[in-house]
């Protein structure tokens, strides 16, 4: 699955909600991946998750549609400005994401950014 789905898709600037989604191979449960999605245009964490599921269902990749299951395992907020990223907060619907895991994933995509996490704020 590693090459099939981008692990991190977030907006480039601003303050917005984000979610962690676990993608699990239905046949090989050890084949799993956590991905990050963040979207300034979404008012609720559930809207980001719905958009993600629609993207999967509308894709031409039969394998991703039929052989994987997806679960939102938490959320929070991301603030991006200049060369810094703050990951914080929680989702009232999905609970708080593991911000340290989010930081680890986001750092791969933004290697020159200073990334901080906080359990404070909504």
N, C-alpha and C. Protein backbone atom coordinates (compact mmCIF):
# COMPACT_ATOMS: atom_id res chain seq x y z
N UNK A 1 0.82 -1.20 0.00
CA UNK A 1 0.00 0.00 0.00
C UNK A 1 0.87 1.26 0.00
N UNK A 2 2.08 1.17 0.44
CA UNK A 2 2.89 2.37 0.65
C UNK A 2 2.90 3.32 -0.53
N UNK A 3 2.97 2.83 -1.74
CA UNK A 3 3.05 3.71 -2.90
C UNK A 3 1.68 4.15 -3.40
N UNK A 4 0.64 3.52 -2.93
CA UNK A 4 -0.69 3.76 -3.48
C UNK A 4 -1.40 4.98 -2.91
N UNK A 5 -1.09 5.37 -1.72
CA UNK A 5 -1.85 6.44 -1.09
C UNK A 5 -0.87 7.40 -0.41
N UNK A 6 -1.04 8.68 -0.69
CA UNK A 6 -0.15 9.69 -0.12
C UNK A 6 -0.37 9.76 1.39
N UNK A 7 0.72 9.73 2.14
CA UNK A 7 0.61 9.69 3.59
C UNK A 7 0.23 11.03 4.21
N UNK A 8 0.46 12.14 3.50
CA UNK A 8 0.17 13.45 4.09
C UNK A 8 -0.33 14.41 3.02
N UNK A 9 -1.57 14.87 3.19
CA UNK A 9 -2.13 15.91 2.34
C UNK A 9 -2.80 16.93 3.26
N UNK A 10 -2.14 18.09 3.38
CA UNK A 10 -2.68 19.16 4.20
C UNK A 10 -2.57 20.46 3.43
N UNK A 11 -3.37 21.44 3.82
CA UNK A 11 -3.28 22.75 3.19
C UNK A 11 -1.93 23.38 3.51
N UNK A 12 -1.54 24.34 2.69
CA UNK A 12 -0.20 24.92 2.79
C UNK A 12 -0.07 26.04 3.81
N UNK A 13 -1.17 26.67 4.20
CA UNK A 13 -1.06 27.80 5.12
C UNK A 13 -2.38 28.00 5.87
N UNK A 14 -2.28 28.54 7.07
CA UNK A 14 -3.47 28.86 7.84
C UNK A 14 -3.66 27.93 9.03
N UNK A 15 -4.85 28.03 9.62
CA UNK A 15 -5.24 27.17 10.74
C UNK A 15 -6.43 26.34 10.27
N UNK A 16 -6.32 25.03 10.42
CA UNK A 16 -7.38 24.15 9.94
C UNK A 16 -7.40 22.85 10.72
N UNK A 17 -8.50 22.14 10.58
CA UNK A 17 -8.66 20.85 11.24
C UNK A 17 -7.95 19.77 10.43
N UNK A 18 -7.51 18.75 11.17
CA UNK A 18 -6.88 17.60 10.51
C UNK A 18 -7.33 16.32 11.19
N UNK A 19 -7.15 15.22 10.47
CA UNK A 19 -7.47 13.89 11.02
C UNK A 19 -6.36 12.91 10.70
N UNK A 20 -6.30 11.86 11.53
CA UNK A 20 -5.47 10.69 11.25
C UNK A 20 -6.41 9.58 10.81
N UNK A 21 -6.03 8.91 9.73
CA UNK A 21 -6.81 7.79 9.23
C UNK A 21 -5.90 6.57 9.17
N UNK A 22 -6.37 5.47 9.73
CA UNK A 22 -5.62 4.23 9.62
C UNK A 22 -6.18 3.42 8.46
N UNK A 23 -5.29 3.05 7.56
CA UNK A 23 -5.66 2.23 6.40
C UNK A 23 -5.14 0.82 6.68
N UNK A 24 -6.02 -0.15 6.61
CA UNK A 24 -5.68 -1.52 7.00
C UNK A 24 -6.05 -2.48 5.87
N UNK A 25 -5.09 -3.33 5.50
CA UNK A 25 -5.34 -4.36 4.51
C UNK A 25 -6.27 -5.40 5.14
N UNK A 26 -7.38 -5.70 4.47
CA UNK A 26 -8.37 -6.63 5.03
C UNK A 26 -7.82 -8.05 5.17
N UNK A 27 -6.91 -8.46 4.29
CA UNK A 27 -6.35 -9.82 4.32
C UNK A 27 -5.11 -9.91 5.20
N UNK A 28 -4.28 -8.88 5.16
CA UNK A 28 -3.03 -8.87 5.93
C UNK A 28 -3.11 -7.71 6.91
N UNK A 29 -3.67 -7.95 8.07
CA UNK A 29 -3.91 -6.89 9.05
C UNK A 29 -2.64 -6.15 9.45
N UNK A 30 -1.46 -6.80 9.30
CA UNK A 30 -0.21 -6.12 9.64
C UNK A 30 0.18 -5.07 8.59
N UNK A 31 -0.44 -5.12 7.42
CA UNK A 31 -0.22 -4.12 6.37
C UNK A 31 -1.13 -2.94 6.65
N UNK A 32 -0.62 -1.98 7.40
CA UNK A 32 -1.41 -0.81 7.79
C UNK A 32 -0.55 0.43 7.70
N UNK A 33 -1.24 1.54 7.58
CA UNK A 33 -0.55 2.82 7.40
C UNK A 33 -1.42 3.92 7.99
N UNK A 34 -0.79 4.85 8.68
CA UNK A 34 -1.51 6.03 9.18
C UNK A 34 -1.26 7.17 8.22
N UNK A 35 -2.33 7.82 7.82
CA UNK A 35 -2.21 8.96 6.93
C UNK A 35 -2.82 10.19 7.59
N UNK A 36 -2.41 11.34 7.11
CA UNK A 36 -2.86 12.62 7.65
C UNK A 36 -3.58 13.39 6.55
N UNK A 37 -4.74 13.94 6.91
CA UNK A 37 -5.48 14.80 5.99
C UNK A 37 -5.91 16.05 6.75
N UNK A 38 -5.65 17.22 6.16
CA UNK A 38 -6.04 18.49 6.75
C UNK A 38 -6.62 19.39 5.68
N UNK A 39 -7.67 20.11 6.02
CA UNK A 39 -8.38 20.88 5.00
C UNK A 39 -9.00 22.13 5.61
N UNK A 40 -8.55 23.29 5.15
CA UNK A 40 -9.08 24.57 5.66
C UNK A 40 -10.54 24.78 5.25
N UNK A 41 -10.98 24.12 4.20
CA UNK A 41 -12.35 24.29 3.73
C UNK A 41 -13.37 23.45 4.45
N UNK A 42 -12.94 22.61 5.36
CA UNK A 42 -13.86 21.73 6.09
C UNK A 42 -14.17 22.30 7.47
N UNK A 43 -15.44 22.42 7.77
CA UNK A 43 -15.86 22.95 9.07
C UNK A 43 -15.73 21.93 10.19
N UNK A 44 -15.85 20.65 9.84
CA UNK A 44 -15.83 19.59 10.84
C UNK A 44 -14.82 18.51 10.44
N UNK A 45 -14.31 17.81 11.45
CA UNK A 45 -13.39 16.71 11.18
C UNK A 45 -14.06 15.65 10.31
N UNK A 46 -15.35 15.41 10.56
CA UNK A 46 -16.06 14.38 9.79
C UNK A 46 -16.14 14.74 8.31
N UNK A 47 -16.12 16.04 7.98
CA UNK A 47 -16.14 16.46 6.57
C UNK A 47 -14.84 16.06 5.87
N UNK A 48 -13.73 16.16 6.57
CA UNK A 48 -12.43 15.75 6.00
C UNK A 48 -12.46 14.25 5.74
N UNK A 49 -12.98 13.49 6.70
CA UNK A 49 -13.05 12.03 6.55
C UNK A 49 -13.97 11.64 5.39
N UNK A 50 -15.12 12.29 5.30
CA UNK A 50 -16.05 12.00 4.19
C UNK A 50 -15.40 12.28 2.85
N UNK A 51 -14.67 13.39 2.76
CA UNK A 51 -13.99 13.75 1.52
C UNK A 51 -12.95 12.70 1.15
N UNK A 52 -12.21 12.22 2.16
CA UNK A 52 -11.21 11.17 1.93
C UNK A 52 -11.87 9.91 1.39
N UNK A 53 -12.95 9.46 2.04
CA UNK A 53 -13.65 8.24 1.60
C UNK A 53 -14.19 8.42 0.18
N UNK A 54 -14.74 9.58 -0.13
CA UNK A 54 -15.23 9.84 -1.50
C UNK A 54 -14.10 9.76 -2.50
N UNK A 55 -12.94 10.30 -2.16
CA UNK A 55 -11.78 10.22 -3.05
C UNK A 55 -11.40 8.77 -3.32
N UNK A 56 -11.42 7.94 -2.27
CA UNK A 56 -11.10 6.51 -2.44
C UNK A 56 -12.14 5.85 -3.35
N UNK A 57 -13.42 6.09 -3.06
CA UNK A 57 -14.49 5.46 -3.83
C UNK A 57 -14.52 5.93 -5.29
N UNK A 58 -14.10 7.16 -5.54
CA UNK A 58 -14.08 7.70 -6.91
C UNK A 58 -12.78 7.41 -7.66
N UNK A 59 -11.83 6.80 -6.98
CA UNK A 59 -10.56 6.50 -7.63
C UNK A 59 -10.72 5.30 -8.57
N UNK A 60 -9.76 5.14 -9.44
CA UNK A 60 -9.77 4.00 -10.35
C UNK A 60 -9.03 2.80 -9.76
N UNK A 61 -8.58 2.93 -8.53
CA UNK A 61 -7.80 1.88 -7.89
C UNK A 61 -8.73 0.90 -7.17
N UNK A 62 -9.03 -0.19 -7.86
CA UNK A 62 -9.93 -1.22 -7.33
C UNK A 62 -9.38 -1.82 -6.03
N UNK A 63 -8.06 -1.96 -5.95
CA UNK A 63 -7.42 -2.54 -4.76
C UNK A 63 -7.71 -1.70 -3.51
N UNK A 64 -7.54 -0.37 -3.62
CA UNK A 64 -7.79 0.50 -2.47
C UNK A 64 -9.26 0.48 -2.06
N UNK A 65 -10.14 0.34 -3.04
CA UNK A 65 -11.58 0.32 -2.75
C UNK A 65 -12.03 -0.98 -2.10
N UNK A 66 -11.49 -2.09 -2.56
CA UNK A 66 -12.01 -3.39 -2.14
C UNK A 66 -11.19 -4.11 -1.07
N UNK A 67 -9.90 -3.85 -1.01
CA UNK A 67 -9.03 -4.65 -0.15
C UNK A 67 -8.56 -3.94 1.12
N UNK A 68 -8.99 -2.71 1.31
CA UNK A 68 -8.58 -1.95 2.49
C UNK A 68 -9.78 -1.39 3.21
N UNK A 69 -9.64 -1.26 4.52
CA UNK A 69 -10.66 -0.57 5.31
C UNK A 69 -9.99 0.65 5.92
N UNK A 70 -10.80 1.64 6.21
CA UNK A 70 -10.30 2.93 6.67
C UNK A 70 -11.04 3.34 7.93
N UNK A 71 -10.27 3.84 8.90
CA UNK A 71 -10.86 4.27 10.15
C UNK A 71 -10.21 5.57 10.60
N UNK A 72 -11.03 6.55 10.91
CA UNK A 72 -10.51 7.80 11.47
C UNK A 72 -10.20 7.52 12.94
N UNK A 73 -8.95 7.74 13.33
CA UNK A 73 -8.53 7.38 14.69
C UNK A 73 -8.24 8.60 15.57
N UNK A 74 -8.52 9.81 15.06
CA UNK A 74 -8.34 11.00 15.88
C UNK A 74 -8.19 12.24 15.03
N UNK A 75 -8.21 13.37 15.70
CA UNK A 75 -8.09 14.63 14.98
C UNK A 75 -7.52 15.72 15.85
N UNK A 76 -7.42 16.88 15.26
CA UNK A 76 -6.89 18.05 15.95
C UNK A 76 -6.87 19.21 14.98
N UNK A 77 -5.93 20.12 15.22
CA UNK A 77 -5.76 21.28 14.35
C UNK A 77 -4.30 21.43 13.98
N UNK A 78 -4.09 22.07 12.85
CA UNK A 78 -2.75 22.39 12.38
C UNK A 78 -2.73 23.88 12.06
N UNK A 79 -1.67 24.53 12.49
CA UNK A 79 -1.44 25.93 12.15
C UNK A 79 -0.10 26.01 11.41
N UNK A 80 -0.17 26.51 10.17
CA UNK A 80 1.04 26.66 9.37
C UNK A 80 1.23 28.14 9.06
N UNK A 81 2.41 28.66 9.40
CA UNK A 81 2.77 30.02 9.02
C UNK A 81 4.28 30.09 8.87
N UNK A 82 4.71 30.86 7.91
CA UNK A 82 6.14 30.96 7.59
C UNK A 82 6.72 29.56 7.45
N UNK A 83 7.73 29.26 8.23
CA UNK A 83 8.35 27.94 8.19
C UNK A 83 8.10 27.17 9.48
N UNK A 84 6.92 27.36 10.06
CA UNK A 84 6.61 26.65 11.29
C UNK A 84 5.22 26.02 11.23
N UNK A 85 5.10 24.91 11.92
CA UNK A 85 3.84 24.17 11.99
C UNK A 85 3.58 23.84 13.46
N UNK A 86 2.36 24.13 13.90
CA UNK A 86 1.91 23.76 15.24
C UNK A 86 0.78 22.76 15.09
N UNK A 87 0.91 21.62 15.74
CA UNK A 87 -0.09 20.56 15.73
C UNK A 87 -0.66 20.48 17.14
N UNK A 88 -1.98 20.62 17.27
CA UNK A 88 -2.58 20.71 18.61
C UNK A 88 -4.06 20.35 18.57
N UNK A 89 -4.68 20.37 19.75
CA UNK A 89 -6.12 20.23 19.87
C UNK A 89 -6.63 18.81 19.73
N UNK A 90 -7.92 18.72 19.46
CA UNK A 90 -8.58 17.42 19.40
C UNK A 90 -9.84 17.53 18.54
N UNK A 91 -10.42 16.40 18.25
CA UNK A 91 -11.71 16.33 17.56
C UNK A 91 -12.74 15.88 18.57
N UNK A 92 -13.85 16.61 18.66
CA UNK A 92 -14.89 16.18 19.60
C UNK A 92 -15.56 14.90 19.12
N UNK A 93 -15.52 14.62 17.84
CA UNK A 93 -16.13 13.40 17.32
C UNK A 93 -15.23 12.18 17.30
N UNK A 94 -13.93 12.39 17.03
CA UNK A 94 -12.99 11.26 16.88
C UNK A 94 -11.96 11.18 17.99
N UNK A 95 -11.93 12.16 18.88
CA UNK A 95 -10.93 12.18 19.93
C UNK A 95 -9.64 12.83 19.46
N UNK A 96 -8.68 12.86 20.35
CA UNK A 96 -7.40 13.50 20.03
C UNK A 96 -6.50 12.54 19.27
N UNK A 97 -5.94 13.04 18.20
CA UNK A 97 -4.97 12.25 17.43
C UNK A 97 -3.66 12.17 18.22
N UNK A 98 -2.85 11.21 17.89
CA UNK A 98 -1.51 11.10 18.45
C UNK A 98 -0.65 12.15 17.73
N UNK A 99 -0.53 13.33 18.36
CA UNK A 99 0.17 14.44 17.70
C UNK A 99 1.64 14.13 17.42
N UNK A 100 2.26 13.30 18.25
CA UNK A 100 3.66 12.95 17.98
C UNK A 100 3.78 12.13 16.70
N UNK A 101 2.81 11.26 16.44
CA UNK A 101 2.80 10.49 15.18
C UNK A 101 2.53 11.43 14.00
N UNK A 102 1.60 12.37 14.19
CA UNK A 102 1.32 13.35 13.13
C UNK A 102 2.59 14.13 12.82
N UNK A 103 3.28 14.58 13.86
CA UNK A 103 4.52 15.34 13.65
C UNK A 103 5.53 14.53 12.85
N UNK A 104 5.69 13.27 13.20
CA UNK A 104 6.63 12.39 12.50
C UNK A 104 6.29 12.30 11.01
N UNK A 105 5.02 12.16 10.69
CA UNK A 105 4.60 12.04 9.29
C UNK A 105 4.73 13.38 8.56
N UNK A 106 4.25 14.45 9.17
CA UNK A 106 4.30 15.77 8.54
C UNK A 106 5.75 16.21 8.30
N UNK A 107 6.65 15.87 9.21
CA UNK A 107 8.05 16.26 9.09
C UNK A 107 8.68 15.70 7.81
N UNK A 108 8.25 14.52 7.39
CA UNK A 108 8.75 13.93 6.15
C UNK A 108 8.40 14.79 4.93
N UNK A 109 7.24 15.44 4.99
CA UNK A 109 6.75 16.24 3.86
C UNK A 109 7.16 17.71 3.97
N UNK A 110 7.53 18.15 5.16
CA UNK A 110 7.96 19.52 5.41
C UNK A 110 9.29 19.49 6.18
N UNK A 111 10.35 18.96 5.58
CA UNK A 111 11.60 18.73 6.31
C UNK A 111 12.30 20.00 6.81
N UNK A 112 12.02 21.14 6.20
CA UNK A 112 12.69 22.37 6.61
C UNK A 112 11.88 23.18 7.62
N UNK A 113 10.69 22.72 7.96
CA UNK A 113 9.82 23.45 8.88
C UNK A 113 10.12 23.06 10.33
N UNK A 114 9.96 24.03 11.22
CA UNK A 114 10.02 23.75 12.65
C UNK A 114 8.61 23.29 13.04
N UNK A 115 8.51 22.10 13.61
CA UNK A 115 7.21 21.54 13.95
C UNK A 115 7.14 21.33 15.46
N UNK A 116 6.06 21.87 16.04
CA UNK A 116 5.81 21.72 17.48
C UNK A 116 4.44 21.08 17.68
N UNK A 117 4.28 20.41 18.81
CA UNK A 117 2.99 19.83 19.16
C UNK A 117 2.57 20.32 20.54
N UNK A 118 1.25 20.31 20.75
CA UNK A 118 0.69 20.71 22.04
C UNK A 118 -0.62 19.97 22.26
N UNK A 119 -0.89 19.60 23.49
CA UNK A 119 -2.18 18.99 23.81
C UNK A 119 -3.20 20.05 24.22
N UNK A 120 -2.78 21.29 24.23
CA UNK A 120 -3.67 22.39 24.62
C UNK A 120 -4.51 22.85 23.44
N UNK A 121 -5.60 23.53 23.74
CA UNK A 121 -6.41 24.17 22.71
C UNK A 121 -7.38 23.24 22.03
N UNK A 122 -8.30 23.85 21.31
CA UNK A 122 -9.27 23.13 20.50
C UNK A 122 -9.14 23.64 19.10
